[in-house]
């Protein structure tokens, strides 16, 4: 799927997330978010901007966001620029923290995007990313739907494992801090057995999901969950000789 097709797909309001909550990815992002409210943050592939808006609501003031839309309503909470994650129009060492949720798998070569993120991060800056898992029932469903023409945004997407992304990150010049995932069972099934609580209790449940996880469970979730999640730190020094885009 080409960039213009991806942009058009996500510009359609019908294809925006229908849930109002921020969920597991938000809870995971919070675990690695800098405490300083003036830090520089990049939302790399912001979609409708709900994470950037939520961060602004917490008092963060230095938020930039990029995506393929020509324009995006930001309500003055953050700065938006039309830019691709494999060609980020910001200078080197510009950000303390970058997050990219469910975006990198749209690139033919995710290393190009990770290399650009490495470039715009300050030394010791943190990246949090998420992507579809490769070996899960969720991905099997995605593949079937894409082949049937029911998931146009996944047309041509190559599903890769968390391990593959960790290798990409290492090659580019990152140190892996944590690997996890979320949702092993479809919500429609889980709701029959577990009662979900809205508001603060729901947020606490998402936090416990990560804070109480054993290494074994984190590994299982990163392989078989709905998404995997990775946190990585930019190593100091140079990437020269580590990775060549192409």
Protein backbone atom coordinates (compact mmCIF):
# COMPACT_ATOMS: atom_id res chain seq x y z
CA UNK A 1 0.00 0.00 0.00
CA UNK A 2 1.51 3.32 -1.10
CA UNK A 3 1.78 6.38 1.18
CA UNK A 4 -1.05 8.25 -0.55
CA UNK A 5 -3.33 5.24 -0.15
CA UNK A 6 -2.41 4.92 3.54
CA UNK A 7 -3.07 8.63 4.07
CA UNK A 8 -6.47 8.45 2.36
CA UNK A 9 -7.44 5.37 4.37
CA UNK A 10 -6.70 6.97 7.72
CA UNK A 11 -8.22 10.32 6.75
CA UNK A 12 -11.58 8.56 6.51
CA UNK A 13 -13.28 9.05 9.94
CA UNK A 14 -14.70 5.54 9.67
CA UNK A 15 -11.19 4.13 10.01
CA UNK A 16 -10.25 6.01 13.17
CA UNK A 17 -10.17 4.05 16.47
CA UNK A 18 -13.69 3.71 17.82
CA UNK A 19 -12.68 3.35 21.47
CA UNK A 20 -12.31 6.48 23.56
CA UNK A 21 -9.80 4.96 25.98
CA UNK A 22 -6.04 5.03 25.48
CA UNK A 23 -5.44 1.51 26.72
CA UNK A 24 -2.37 -0.68 27.02
CA UNK A 25 -0.13 1.27 24.65
CA UNK A 26 -0.71 4.45 26.64
CA UNK A 27 0.06 2.69 29.92
CA UNK A 28 3.28 1.28 28.46
CA UNK A 29 4.35 4.66 27.07
CA UNK A 30 3.86 6.20 30.52
CA UNK A 31 6.39 3.81 32.04
CA UNK A 32 9.24 5.33 29.99
CA UNK A 33 8.04 8.91 29.58
CA UNK A 34 10.46 11.58 30.89
CA UNK A 35 9.25 13.36 34.01
CA UNK A 36 10.33 16.83 32.87
CA UNK A 37 7.29 18.54 31.36
CA UNK A 38 9.46 20.70 29.10
CA UNK A 39 11.17 17.74 27.40
CA UNK A 40 11.01 17.40 23.62
CA UNK A 41 8.65 14.64 22.44
CA UNK A 42 7.92 13.33 18.94
CA UNK A 43 4.80 11.36 18.07
CA UNK A 44 6.04 9.52 14.97
CA UNK A 45 2.85 8.57 13.15
CA UNK A 46 0.29 10.36 15.27
CA UNK A 47 -2.96 9.42 13.51
CA UNK A 48 -5.72 11.57 14.99
CA UNK A 49 -3.27 12.74 17.68
CA UNK A 50 -4.98 11.24 20.71
CA UNK A 51 -1.73 10.36 22.52
CA UNK A 52 -0.27 13.82 21.84
CA UNK A 53 -3.45 15.43 23.13
CA UNK A 54 -3.35 13.27 26.26
CA UNK A 55 0.29 14.21 26.90
CA UNK A 56 -0.56 17.88 26.51
CA UNK A 57 -3.34 17.32 29.04
CA UNK A 58 -0.67 16.11 31.47
CA UNK A 59 1.22 19.36 31.05
CA UNK A 60 3.83 18.42 28.44
CA UNK A 61 4.53 21.44 26.24
CA UNK A 62 7.24 20.35 23.79
CA UNK A 63 5.24 17.92 21.64
CA UNK A 64 5.69 17.58 17.89
CA UNK A 65 3.80 15.09 15.74
CA UNK A 66 4.14 13.80 12.21
CA UNK A 67 1.96 11.78 9.85
CA UNK A 68 0.93 11.71 6.20
CA UNK A 69 -2.11 14.02 6.49
CA UNK A 70 -1.85 17.42 4.84
CA UNK A 71 -3.43 19.03 7.91
CA UNK A 72 -4.47 17.94 11.39
CA UNK A 73 -6.54 19.70 14.04
CA UNK A 74 -4.32 20.00 17.11
CA UNK A 75 -6.39 22.39 19.25
CA UNK A 76 -3.08 24.18 19.91
CA UNK A 77 -1.94 21.32 22.14
CA UNK A 78 0.97 20.21 19.94
CA UNK A 79 2.72 21.06 16.67
CA UNK A 80 1.93 19.00 13.59
CA UNK A 81 3.98 18.50 10.41
CA UNK A 82 3.22 16.37 7.36
CA UNK A 83 6.23 14.06 7.21
CA UNK A 84 7.02 10.36 6.82
CA UNK A 85 8.80 8.41 9.55
CA UNK A 86 11.46 7.28 7.08
CA UNK A 87 12.23 10.92 6.24
CA UNK A 88 11.65 12.95 9.41
CA UNK A 89 11.99 16.68 8.78
CA UNK A 90 13.71 17.58 12.06
CA UNK A 91 17.41 18.09 12.83
CA UNK A 92 19.68 15.60 14.54
CA UNK A 93 19.40 15.15 18.32
CA UNK A 94 16.14 17.10 18.52
CA UNK A 95 14.06 14.95 20.89
CA UNK A 96 14.32 13.38 24.33
CA UNK A 97 11.53 10.88 23.71
CA UNK A 98 9.94 9.39 20.60
CA UNK A 99 7.01 7.02 20.37
CA UNK A 100 5.65 5.30 17.29
CA UNK A 101 2.51 3.24 17.80
CA UNK A 102 1.35 0.81 15.11
CA UNK A 103 3.18 2.58 12.29
CA UNK A 104 6.54 1.05 11.37
CA UNK A 105 5.10 -2.05 9.73
CA UNK A 106 3.78 0.15 6.92
CA UNK A 107 7.37 0.71 5.77
CA UNK A 108 8.89 -1.72 3.28
CA UNK A 109 12.10 -1.48 5.31
CA UNK A 110 11.42 -0.55 8.96
CA UNK A 111 15.16 -0.01 9.47
CA UNK A 112 14.88 3.21 7.48
CA UNK A 113 12.32 4.53 9.94
CA UNK A 114 14.28 3.36 12.96
CA UNK A 115 17.43 4.97 11.57
CA UNK A 116 15.60 8.28 11.23
CA UNK A 117 14.24 8.01 14.76
CA UNK A 118 17.78 7.27 16.01
CA UNK A 119 18.99 10.39 14.21
CA UNK A 120 16.43 12.78 15.73
CA UNK A 121 16.75 11.36 19.25
CA UNK A 122 19.26 12.87 21.64
CA UNK A 123 21.94 10.53 23.03
CA UNK A 124 20.35 8.32 25.70
CA UNK A 125 16.91 9.34 24.39
CA UNK A 126 14.13 6.76 24.61
CA UNK A 127 11.99 5.21 21.87
CA UNK A 128 8.76 3.31 22.56
CA UNK A 129 7.21 1.47 19.63
CA UNK A 130 4.44 -1.03 18.97
CA UNK A 131 3.57 -3.19 15.99
CA UNK A 132 1.46 -6.18 15.04
CA UNK A 133 2.89 -9.49 16.16
CA UNK A 134 3.77 -12.12 13.55
CA UNK A 135 2.74 -15.41 15.14
CA UNK A 136 -0.66 -14.71 16.68
CA UNK A 137 -4.28 -15.56 16.00
CA UNK A 138 -4.86 -11.83 15.64
CA UNK A 139 -2.36 -11.66 12.77
CA UNK A 140 -3.83 -14.74 11.13
CA UNK A 141 -7.14 -12.87 11.13
CA UNK A 142 -5.41 -9.77 9.72
CA UNK A 143 -3.87 -11.77 6.87
CA UNK A 144 -7.21 -13.37 5.99
CA UNK A 145 -9.01 -10.02 6.07
CA UNK A 146 -6.31 -8.34 3.97
CA UNK A 147 -6.47 -11.09 1.33
CA UNK A 148 -10.26 -10.73 1.27
CA UNK A 149 -9.97 -6.98 0.71
CA UNK A 150 -11.44 -6.15 4.12
CA UNK A 151 -8.31 -4.48 5.56
CA UNK A 152 -6.97 -2.18 2.87
CA UNK A 153 -4.57 -0.48 5.28
CA UNK A 154 -2.76 -3.81 5.73
CA UNK A 155 -2.38 -4.49 2.02
CA UNK A 156 1.26 -5.38 1.34
CA UNK A 157 2.24 -5.17 5.02
CA UNK A 158 4.91 -7.65 6.11
CA UNK A 159 4.34 -8.87 9.64
CA UNK A 160 7.56 -9.22 11.62
CA UNK A 161 8.28 -10.55 15.09
CA UNK A 162 9.39 -8.55 18.10
CA UNK A 163 12.75 -10.34 17.81
CA UNK A 164 13.17 -9.05 14.27
CA UNK A 165 12.50 -5.48 15.41
CA UNK A 166 14.97 -5.91 18.26
CA UNK A 167 17.62 -6.91 15.72
CA UNK A 168 16.78 -3.86 13.62
CA UNK A 169 17.07 -1.63 16.67
CA UNK A 170 20.41 -3.15 17.65
CA UNK A 171 21.75 -2.73 14.11
CA UNK A 172 20.72 0.93 14.01
CA UNK A 173 22.32 1.76 17.36
CA UNK A 174 19.77 1.18 20.14
CA UNK A 175 19.93 -0.73 23.39
CA UNK A 176 16.78 -2.73 24.18
CA UNK A 177 15.28 -1.80 27.55
CA UNK A 178 12.12 -3.90 27.55
CA UNK A 179 9.96 -6.12 25.34
CA UNK A 180 6.32 -6.92 26.11
CA UNK A 181 2.91 -7.19 24.48
CA UNK A 182 -0.76 -7.14 25.27
CA UNK A 183 -4.08 -8.88 24.71
CA UNK A 184 -3.68 -12.61 24.19
CA UNK A 185 -7.44 -13.22 23.90
CA UNK A 186 -9.91 -11.23 21.76
CA UNK A 187 -11.88 -8.75 23.83
CA UNK A 188 -15.17 -10.15 22.60
CA UNK A 189 -14.31 -13.49 24.23
CA UNK A 190 -12.63 -12.06 27.32
CA UNK A 191 -15.62 -9.89 28.20
CA UNK A 192 -17.64 -13.04 28.84
CA UNK A 193 -15.26 -14.00 31.66
CA UNK A 194 -13.78 -10.75 33.01
CA UNK A 195 -15.72 -7.66 34.01
CA UNK A 196 -14.03 -4.49 32.79
CA UNK A 197 -14.19 -1.36 34.92
CA UNK A 198 -14.10 2.12 33.38
CA UNK A 199 -12.12 5.15 34.47
CA UNK A 200 -9.37 5.00 37.06
CA UNK A 201 -9.85 1.29 37.79
CA UNK A 202 -9.33 0.53 34.11
CA UNK A 203 -6.13 2.59 34.05
CA UNK A 204 -4.87 0.70 37.10
CA UNK A 205 -5.60 -2.58 35.38
CA UNK A 206 -3.52 -1.57 32.37
CA UNK A 207 -0.66 -0.56 34.68
CA UNK A 208 -0.80 -3.88 36.54
CA UNK A 209 -0.70 -5.66 33.20
CA UNK A 210 2.92 -4.52 32.81
CA UNK A 211 4.14 -4.04 36.38
CA UNK A 212 3.12 -7.51 37.56
CA UNK A 213 4.26 -9.45 34.50
CA UNK A 214 6.87 -12.21 34.78
CA UNK A 215 9.61 -12.48 32.12
CA UNK A 216 7.92 -15.60 30.78
CA UNK A 217 4.56 -13.86 30.39
CA UNK A 218 6.19 -10.84 28.73
CA UNK A 219 7.81 -13.19 26.23
CA UNK A 220 4.51 -14.95 25.47
CA UNK A 221 2.68 -11.65 25.04
CA UNK A 222 5.34 -10.25 22.71
CA UNK A 223 5.00 -13.30 20.47
CA UNK A 224 1.27 -14.13 20.58
CA UNK A 225 -0.41 -10.89 21.66
CA UNK A 226 -2.40 -8.37 19.67
CA UNK A 227 0.64 -6.06 19.55
CA UNK A 228 4.17 -6.27 20.85
CA UNK A 229 5.76 -3.29 22.60
CA UNK A 230 9.44 -2.38 22.74
CA UNK A 231 11.32 0.30 24.68
CA UNK A 232 14.86 1.15 23.56
CA UNK A 233 17.56 3.69 24.35
CA UNK A 234 19.73 5.48 21.80
CA UNK A 235 23.34 4.57 22.43
CA UNK A 236 25.85 7.37 22.59
CA UNK A 237 28.32 7.70 19.74
CA UNK A 238 27.83 7.28 16.03
CA UNK A 239 25.80 4.91 13.89
CA UNK A 240 28.42 5.04 11.10
CA UNK A 241 29.23 1.51 10.12
CA UNK A 242 26.29 0.11 12.09
CA UNK A 243 23.60 0.65 9.52
CA UNK A 244 23.40 1.87 5.97
CA UNK A 245 19.92 2.81 4.73
CA UNK A 246 18.70 1.10 1.61
